[in-house]
Amino acid sequence: MLRVVLTTVPPDQAEALAEALIEGRYAACVQILPEMRSTYSWQGEITRDAERLLLIKVPTSHVEACMDALGGMHPYEVPQIIALTVDKVATAYLAWAQACVGED
């Protein structure tokens, strides 16, 4: 099956992180959504930052490796890395995604 991993990153680092995930064969596809504002609590303060949301498509068998790699290259001390389960996926898309990460 397929998972969608979500993370937010500073706008100036989105492209490099997406490319690293694809080049490392951790993900089949990374979509970078337009800049957004995030408001959250960090070290007892309300923080507001400009960020980009990455939608990362990963075969289920590779989700742990993808999340580990993402955590290791992410610029944040405590990055948001969330994997969502996909209920249904087109057979051809799943086969393509599996081929992208080297899964037979």
Protein backbone atom coordinates (compact mmCIF):
# COMPACT_ATOMS: atom_id res chain seq x y z
CA MET A 1 0.00 0.00 0.00
CA LEU A 2 0.95 3.66 0.10
CA ARG A 3 1.48 6.27 2.83
CA VAL A 4 1.52 10.05 2.69
CA VAL A 5 4.10 11.57 5.02
CA LEU A 6 3.58 15.20 6.00
CA THR A 7 6.20 17.63 7.21
CA THR A 8 6.61 21.39 7.34
CA VAL A 9 9.88 23.13 6.55
CA PRO A 10 11.24 26.65 6.12
CA PRO A 11 10.40 27.87 2.59
CA ASP A 12 14.06 28.18 1.59
CA GLN A 13 14.76 24.53 2.43
CA ALA A 14 11.74 22.80 0.85
CA GLU A 15 13.27 22.10 -2.58
CA ALA A 16 16.53 20.69 -1.22
CA LEU A 17 14.75 18.41 1.22
CA ALA A 18 12.34 17.16 -1.46
CA GLU A 19 15.21 16.43 -3.85
CA ALA A 20 17.20 14.61 -1.16
CA LEU A 21 14.23 12.32 -0.44
CA ILE A 22 13.81 11.51 -4.14
CA GLU A 23 17.52 11.10 -4.87
CA GLY A 24 17.92 8.83 -1.83
CA ARG A 25 14.97 6.74 -3.05
CA TYR A 26 13.15 7.30 0.24
CA ALA A 27 10.05 8.58 -1.57
CA ALA A 28 8.41 8.37 -4.97
CA CYS A 29 7.04 11.91 -5.07
CA VAL A 30 7.21 15.05 -2.95
CA GLN A 31 4.76 17.87 -3.51
CA ILE A 32 5.61 21.27 -2.08
CA LEU A 33 2.57 23.33 -1.19
CA PRO A 34 2.64 27.14 -1.25
CA GLU A 35 3.93 29.09 1.70
CA MET A 36 1.70 29.12 4.76
CA ARG A 37 1.83 30.49 8.29
CA SER A 38 2.12 28.11 11.24
CA THR A 39 1.31 29.11 14.81
CA TYR A 40 2.50 26.79 17.58
CA SER A 41 3.86 26.63 21.08
CA TRP A 42 7.64 26.30 21.33
CA GLN A 43 9.59 26.46 24.59
CA GLY A 44 6.72 28.18 26.38
CA GLU A 45 6.18 30.86 23.72
CA ILE A 46 3.67 31.23 20.91
CA THR A 47 5.67 31.09 17.68
CA ARG A 48 4.64 32.06 14.16
CA ASP A 49 6.65 31.00 11.13
CA ALA A 50 6.37 30.93 7.38
CA GLU A 51 6.58 27.31 6.24
CA ARG A 52 5.94 25.02 3.30
CA LEU A 53 4.05 21.75 3.63
CA LEU A 54 5.59 18.71 1.96
CA LEU A 55 3.31 15.86 0.88
CA ILE A 56 5.60 12.85 0.54
CA LYS A 57 4.32 9.68 -1.20
CA VAL A 58 5.97 6.51 0.08
CA PRO A 59 5.19 2.80 -0.31
CA THR A 60 4.28 1.42 3.13
CA SER A 61 7.33 -0.85 3.15
CA HIS A 62 9.60 2.23 3.00
CA VAL A 63 7.79 4.58 5.38
CA GLU A 64 10.07 3.94 8.37
CA ALA A 65 13.23 4.49 6.32
CA CYS A 66 11.72 7.66 4.84
CA MET A 67 10.72 9.01 8.26
CA ASP A 68 14.17 8.21 9.70
CA ALA A 69 15.95 9.90 6.77
CA LEU A 70 13.62 12.89 6.97
CA GLY A 71 14.25 13.25 10.70
CA GLY A 72 18.00 13.15 10.12
CA MET A 73 18.04 15.86 7.46
CA HIS A 74 15.23 18.06 8.79
CA PRO A 75 16.33 21.50 10.01
CA TYR A 76 14.00 21.57 13.03
CA GLU A 77 14.92 20.25 16.47
CA VAL A 78 11.48 18.60 16.75
CA PRO A 79 10.09 18.27 13.22
CA GLN A 80 6.50 17.44 12.43
CA ILE A 81 6.69 14.09 10.64
CA ILE A 82 3.30 12.40 10.32
CA ALA A 83 2.49 9.35 8.20
CA LEU A 84 -1.10 8.98 7.00
CA THR A 85 -2.51 5.70 5.76
CA VAL A 86 -3.99 5.80 2.27
CA ASP A 87 -7.24 3.86 2.06
CA LYS A 88 -7.18 3.32 -1.71
CA VAL A 89 -4.65 3.96 -4.44
CA ALA A 90 -4.68 3.35 -8.20
CA THR A 91 -2.82 0.16 -9.04
CA ALA A 92 -0.65 1.82 -11.68
CA TYR A 93 0.33 4.67 -9.31
CA LEU A 94 1.24 2.23 -6.55
CA ALA A 95 3.39 0.18 -8.97
CA TRP A 96 5.14 3.37 -10.10
CA ALA A 97 5.77 4.48 -6.49
CA GLN A 98 7.18 1.07 -5.60
CA ALA A 99 9.51 1.16 -8.61
CA CYS A 100 10.74 4.64 -7.64
CA VAL A 101 12.02 3.43 -4.27
CA GLY A 102 13.48 0.21 -5.66
CA GLU A 103 10.76 -2.13 -4.50
CA ASP A 104 10.04 -5.04 -6.82
